[in-house]
Amino acid sequence: MRLLRDCFRNACLVAAYVYAGLHFGFGSLVAVLLRVIPAGPRREAVGRRLITALTKSFTWFMEFSGVIQADFSALQPLAGRRGLIVAANHPSLLDALFLLAKIPGSFCVAKGALMRNPFVGPMAHTAGYVGNDSTAQLFKQCVRRVQAGETMVIFPEGTRTRQAPLGPLQLGCALVACRAGAPIQTVLIDAALTFCGRGPRDTFFPPMPTPYVFRLGPEIQPKPEDSPREVSALLAEALRANLSQ
């Protein structure tokens, strides 16, 4: 009986990976076709609606199939916020998909390698996302967008967490917050580091359902006299202290 149950769970997980491949492969094809729309806010808005639809569908499938058991209720207030920076820890490869599904219309600061990936890069570029290895000019673009009322989703570690609860933070998040004068809403992701993470025991075939809980941590409002390094230290302290609870 246990063997049959394990086989069924693994089949569901394989189905989820196949679903993701087909789903986002189709999305990238559509994103390429969207290049007929002139570059600008209109194309980015259409690209973000495409990503929201795909990530919502994928999240539903992951829950429906029993691969994950998630609590996203804490993220509901963020969907209506404007001019906000959402900064989260990054235990799993799936974190960005879940956040983008629950915070529609937001733009993401993604890992540079993902921006260049032919599988997901077309969608990211069409939606106006920014790579974390981008030039200073693109960080100015982030500042402009946040000041215009857009919500930015970023993982300040710059990559998935290698050692719980948190890796060292990059300065990009704090730099944008200081220059835009925007609040940083910390999001705490409690997830098994064994699922699509980067730790020594991580695997693509974890026990199921894998629990995911999203919590809101402290909101950090940079002061005019604060430096990016000071804000980054506050952010690291807020994330690390609350992830330990």
Protein backbone atom coordinates (compact mmCIF):
# COMPACT_ATOMS: atom_id res chain seq x y z
CA MET A 1 0.00 0.00 0.00
CA ARG A 2 2.80 2.39 0.89
CA LEU A 3 4.63 1.54 -2.33
CA LEU A 4 1.48 2.27 -4.33
CA ARG A 5 1.02 5.59 -2.52
CA ASP A 6 4.65 6.59 -3.15
CA CYS A 7 4.33 5.69 -6.84
CA PHE A 8 1.18 7.80 -7.11
CA ARG A 9 2.86 10.78 -5.43
CA ASN A 10 5.91 10.54 -7.65
CA ALA A 11 3.65 10.33 -10.69
CA CYS A 12 1.91 13.53 -9.55
CA LEU A 13 5.27 15.25 -9.13
CA VAL A 14 6.48 14.18 -12.57
CA ALA A 15 3.15 15.39 -13.98
CA ALA A 16 3.75 18.76 -12.28
CA TYR A 17 7.17 19.11 -13.93
CA VAL A 18 5.74 18.15 -17.33
CA TYR A 19 2.88 20.57 -16.77
CA ALA A 20 5.35 23.33 -15.96
CA GLY A 21 7.43 22.57 -19.04
CA LEU A 22 4.48 22.64 -21.41
CA HIS A 23 2.86 25.57 -19.63
CA PHE A 24 5.83 27.91 -19.59
CA GLY A 25 7.11 26.73 -22.96
CA PHE A 26 3.77 27.84 -24.40
CA GLY A 27 4.07 31.11 -22.45
CA SER A 28 7.49 31.82 -23.94
CA LEU A 29 6.13 31.22 -27.43
CA VAL A 30 3.30 33.66 -26.79
CA ALA A 31 5.79 36.16 -25.34
CA VAL A 32 7.83 36.02 -28.56
CA LEU A 33 4.68 36.70 -30.58
CA LEU A 34 3.90 39.65 -28.30
CA ARG A 35 7.02 41.36 -29.64
CA VAL A 36 4.78 42.68 -32.43
CA ILE A 37 3.51 45.15 -29.80
CA PRO A 38 5.92 48.11 -29.61
CA ALA A 39 8.15 48.06 -26.54
CA GLY A 40 6.70 50.04 -23.68
CA PRO A 41 4.15 49.95 -20.86
CA ARG A 42 1.43 48.36 -22.99
CA ARG A 43 3.54 45.34 -23.95
CA GLU A 44 4.80 44.97 -20.39
CA ALA A 45 1.25 45.03 -19.03
CA VAL A 46 0.18 42.30 -21.46
CA GLY A 47 3.28 40.27 -20.60
CA ARG A 48 2.57 40.52 -16.88
CA ARG A 49 -1.04 39.44 -17.37
CA LEU A 50 0.27 36.42 -19.26
CA ILE A 51 2.68 35.54 -16.43
CA THR A 52 -0.04 36.04 -13.80
CA ALA A 53 -2.37 33.68 -15.66
CA LEU A 54 0.33 31.02 -16.07
CA THR A 55 1.62 31.20 -12.49
CA LYS A 56 -1.91 31.11 -11.06
CA SER A 57 -2.69 28.03 -13.13
CA PHE A 58 0.56 26.34 -12.13
CA THR A 59 0.01 27.12 -8.44
CA TRP A 60 -3.51 25.68 -8.61
CA PHE A 61 -2.17 22.50 -10.25
CA MET A 62 0.54 22.07 -7.61
CA GLU A 63 -2.07 22.31 -4.84
CA PHE A 64 -4.73 20.23 -6.63
CA SER A 65 -2.30 17.41 -7.38
CA GLY A 66 -1.11 17.28 -3.77
CA VAL A 67 2.49 18.18 -4.55
CA ILE A 68 2.39 21.14 -2.15
CA GLN A 69 0.22 22.11 0.80
CA ALA A 70 0.36 25.89 0.87
CA ASP A 71 -0.97 28.81 2.86
CA PHE A 72 -0.93 31.99 0.77
CA SER A 73 -3.51 33.91 2.81
CA ALA A 74 -0.97 36.39 4.25
CA LEU A 75 -0.18 37.66 0.74
CA GLN A 76 -3.72 38.89 0.00
CA PRO A 77 -3.15 42.48 1.30
CA LEU A 78 -0.15 42.91 -1.02
CA ALA A 79 -2.24 42.57 -4.18
CA GLY A 80 -3.70 46.05 -3.64
CA ARG A 81 -0.52 47.85 -2.58
CA ARG A 82 1.29 50.28 -4.87
CA GLY A 83 4.83 51.64 -4.88
CA LEU A 84 6.01 48.75 -2.73
CA ILE A 85 9.09 46.54 -2.66
CA VAL A 86 8.34 42.95 -1.68
CA ALA A 87 11.52 41.29 -0.37
CA ALA A 88 11.50 37.58 0.47
CA ASN A 89 13.88 34.81 1.40
CA HIS A 90 14.41 32.25 -1.34
CA PRO A 91 14.38 28.60 -0.21
CA SER A 92 13.00 27.12 -3.44
CA LEU A 93 12.99 27.53 -7.19
CA LEU A 94 9.19 27.87 -7.02
CA ASP A 95 9.08 30.94 -4.75
CA ALA A 96 8.92 33.51 -7.56
CA LEU A 97 6.10 31.66 -9.32
CA PHE A 98 3.98 31.66 -6.18
CA LEU A 99 4.63 35.33 -5.37
CA LEU A 100 3.89 36.47 -8.94
CA ALA A 101 0.66 34.45 -8.89
CA LYS A 102 -0.52 36.11 -5.69
CA ILE A 103 0.72 39.66 -6.43
CA PRO A 104 -0.61 40.24 -9.96
CA GLY A 105 0.85 43.04 -12.06
CA SER A 106 4.09 43.19 -10.10
CA PHE A 107 7.48 43.12 -11.78
CA CYS A 108 10.34 40.93 -10.66
CA VAL A 109 14.07 41.28 -10.26
CA ALA A 110 15.24 37.88 -11.47
CA LYS A 111 18.56 36.10 -11.58
CA GLY A 112 20.51 37.17 -14.65
CA ALA A 113 20.85 33.59 -15.88
CA LEU A 114 17.05 33.24 -15.93
CA MET A 115 16.72 36.40 -17.99
CA ARG A 116 19.01 34.81 -20.58
CA ASN A 117 17.29 31.42 -20.43
CA PRO A 118 15.46 30.75 -23.73
CA PHE A 119 12.76 28.87 -21.82
CA VAL A 120 11.62 31.69 -19.50
CA GLY A 121 13.63 34.69 -20.71
CA PRO A 122 11.16 35.79 -23.42
CA MET A 123 8.35 36.08 -20.87
CA ALA A 124 10.55 37.93 -18.39
CA HIS A 125 11.74 40.44 -20.99
CA THR A 126 8.25 41.00 -22.39
CA ALA A 127 6.94 41.71 -18.88
CA GLY A 128 9.74 44.21 -18.23
CA TYR A 129 11.53 42.21 -15.55
CA VAL A 130 15.10 43.13 -14.59
CA GLY A 131 18.12 40.87 -14.13
CA ASN A 132 20.04 41.10 -10.86
CA ASP A 133 23.30 41.40 -12.79
CA SER A 134 21.99 44.37 -14.75
CA THR A 135 23.69 47.74 -15.17
CA ALA A 136 23.09 50.77 -12.98
CA GLN A 137 20.84 52.14 -15.71
CA LEU A 138 18.39 49.27 -15.22
CA PHE A 139 18.39 49.81 -11.45
CA LYS A 140 17.38 53.39 -12.19
CA GLN A 141 14.53 51.87 -14.17
CA CYS A 142 13.45 49.93 -11.05
CA VAL A 143 13.49 53.15 -9.04
CA ARG A 144 11.38 54.92 -11.65
CA ARG A 145 8.83 52.12 -11.75
CA VAL A 146 8.47 51.88 -7.98
CA GLN A 147 8.08 55.65 -7.75
CA ALA A 148 5.36 55.40 -10.44
CA GLY A 149 3.39 53.04 -8.20
CA GLU A 150 4.49 49.61 -9.40
CA THR A 151 5.24 46.77 -6.99
CA MET A 152 8.65 45.13 -7.24
CA VAL A 153 9.26 41.53 -6.14
CA ILE A 154 12.87 40.75 -5.28
CA PHE A 155 14.91 38.09 -3.49
CA PRO A 156 17.69 40.09 -1.80
CA GLU A 157 19.95 37.04 -1.52
CA GLY A 158 20.22 37.08 -5.31
CA THR A 159 19.95 33.29 -5.48
CA ARG A 160 18.31 30.43 -3.62
CA THR A 161 19.26 30.02 0.04
CA ARG A 162 22.24 27.71 0.42
CA GLN A 163 22.22 27.55 4.21
CA ALA A 164 19.11 28.17 6.31
CA PRO A 165 17.68 30.46 7.38
CA LEU A 166 19.22 33.13 5.12
CA GLY A 167 22.24 33.78 2.94
CA PRO A 168 24.11 37.08 2.60
CA LEU A 169 22.09 39.86 0.97
CA GLN A 170 23.01 41.88 -2.10
CA LEU A 171 22.66 45.66 -1.99
CA GLY A 172 20.26 46.04 -4.92
CA CYS A 173 17.03 45.88 -2.93
CA ALA A 174 18.19 48.45 -0.37
CA LEU A 175 19.60 50.68 -3.10
CA VAL A 176 16.25 50.83 -4.92
CA ALA A 177 14.38 51.41 -1.64
CA CYS A 178 16.64 54.31 -0.64
CA ARG A 179 16.55 56.01 -4.03
CA ALA A 180 12.79 55.51 -4.50
CA GLY A 181 11.93 56.31 -0.88
CA ALA A 182 9.76 53.19 -0.95
CA PRO A 183 8.85 50.80 1.88
CA ILE A 184 10.16 47.25 1.89
CA GLN A 185 7.60 44.63 2.91
CA THR A 186 9.41 41.53 4.07
CA VAL A 187 7.87 38.17 3.19
CA LEU A 188 8.90 35.06 5.08
CA ILE A 189 8.69 31.79 3.18
CA ASP A 190 8.62 28.71 5.37
CA ALA A 191 9.30 25.78 3.07
CA ALA A 192 11.14 22.50 3.09
CA LEU A 193 14.62 23.26 1.81
CA THR A 194 14.57 19.80 0.24
CA PHE A 195 12.29 20.95 -2.62
CA CYS A 196 14.06 22.56 -5.60
CA GLY A 197 16.50 24.36 -3.34
CA ARG A 198 20.31 24.59 -3.29
CA GLY A 199 21.21 23.01 0.06
CA PRO A 200 23.24 19.79 0.44
CA ARG A 201 20.13 17.60 0.85
CA ASP A 202 17.92 19.24 -1.76
CA THR A 203 16.02 17.08 -4.21
CA PHE A 204 13.46 17.36 -6.98
CA PHE A 205 11.54 14.44 -5.45
CA PRO A 206 10.70 15.46 -1.85
CA PRO A 207 8.11 13.86 0.43
CA MET A 208 4.63 15.09 -0.49
CA PRO A 209 2.74 17.19 0.14
CA THR A 210 5.54 19.69 0.67
CA PRO A 211 4.37 22.43 3.08
CA TYR A 212 4.63 26.08 2.08
CA VAL A 213 3.64 28.91 4.40
CA PHE A 214 3.96 32.59 3.47
CA ARG A 215 4.06 35.12 6.31
CA LEU A 216 4.41 38.90 6.34
CA GLY A 217 7.34 40.18 8.33
CA PRO A 218 8.14 43.77 9.37
CA GLU A 219 7.79 46.61 6.89
CA ILE A 220 10.94 48.73 6.59
CA GLN A 221 10.65 52.38 5.63
CA PRO A 222 14.06 53.84 4.76
CA LYS A 223 14.80 57.23 6.26
CA PRO A 224 16.37 59.96 4.10
CA GLU A 225 19.59 59.75 6.09
CA ASP A 226 19.88 55.94 5.82
CA SER A 227 22.51 54.47 3.53
CA PRO A 228 21.79 51.38 1.38
CA ARG A 229 24.14 49.33 3.58
CA GLU A 230 22.24 50.35 6.72
CA VAL A 231 18.90 49.47 5.11
CA SER A 232 20.31 46.16 3.86
CA ALA A 233 21.46 45.34 7.40
CA LEU A 234 17.98 46.14 8.75
CA LEU A 235 16.44 43.95 6.06
CA ALA A 236 18.76 41.03 6.83
CA GLU A 237 18.02 41.35 10.54
CA ALA A 238 14.25 41.46 9.94
CA LEU A 239 14.30 38.39 7.71
CA ARG A 240 16.71 36.33 9.78
CA ALA A 241 15.06 37.08 13.13
CA ASN A 242 11.55 36.25 11.94
CA LEU A 243 12.56 33.15 9.97
CA SER A 244 13.95 31.72 13.19
CA GLN A 245 10.55 31.95 14.92
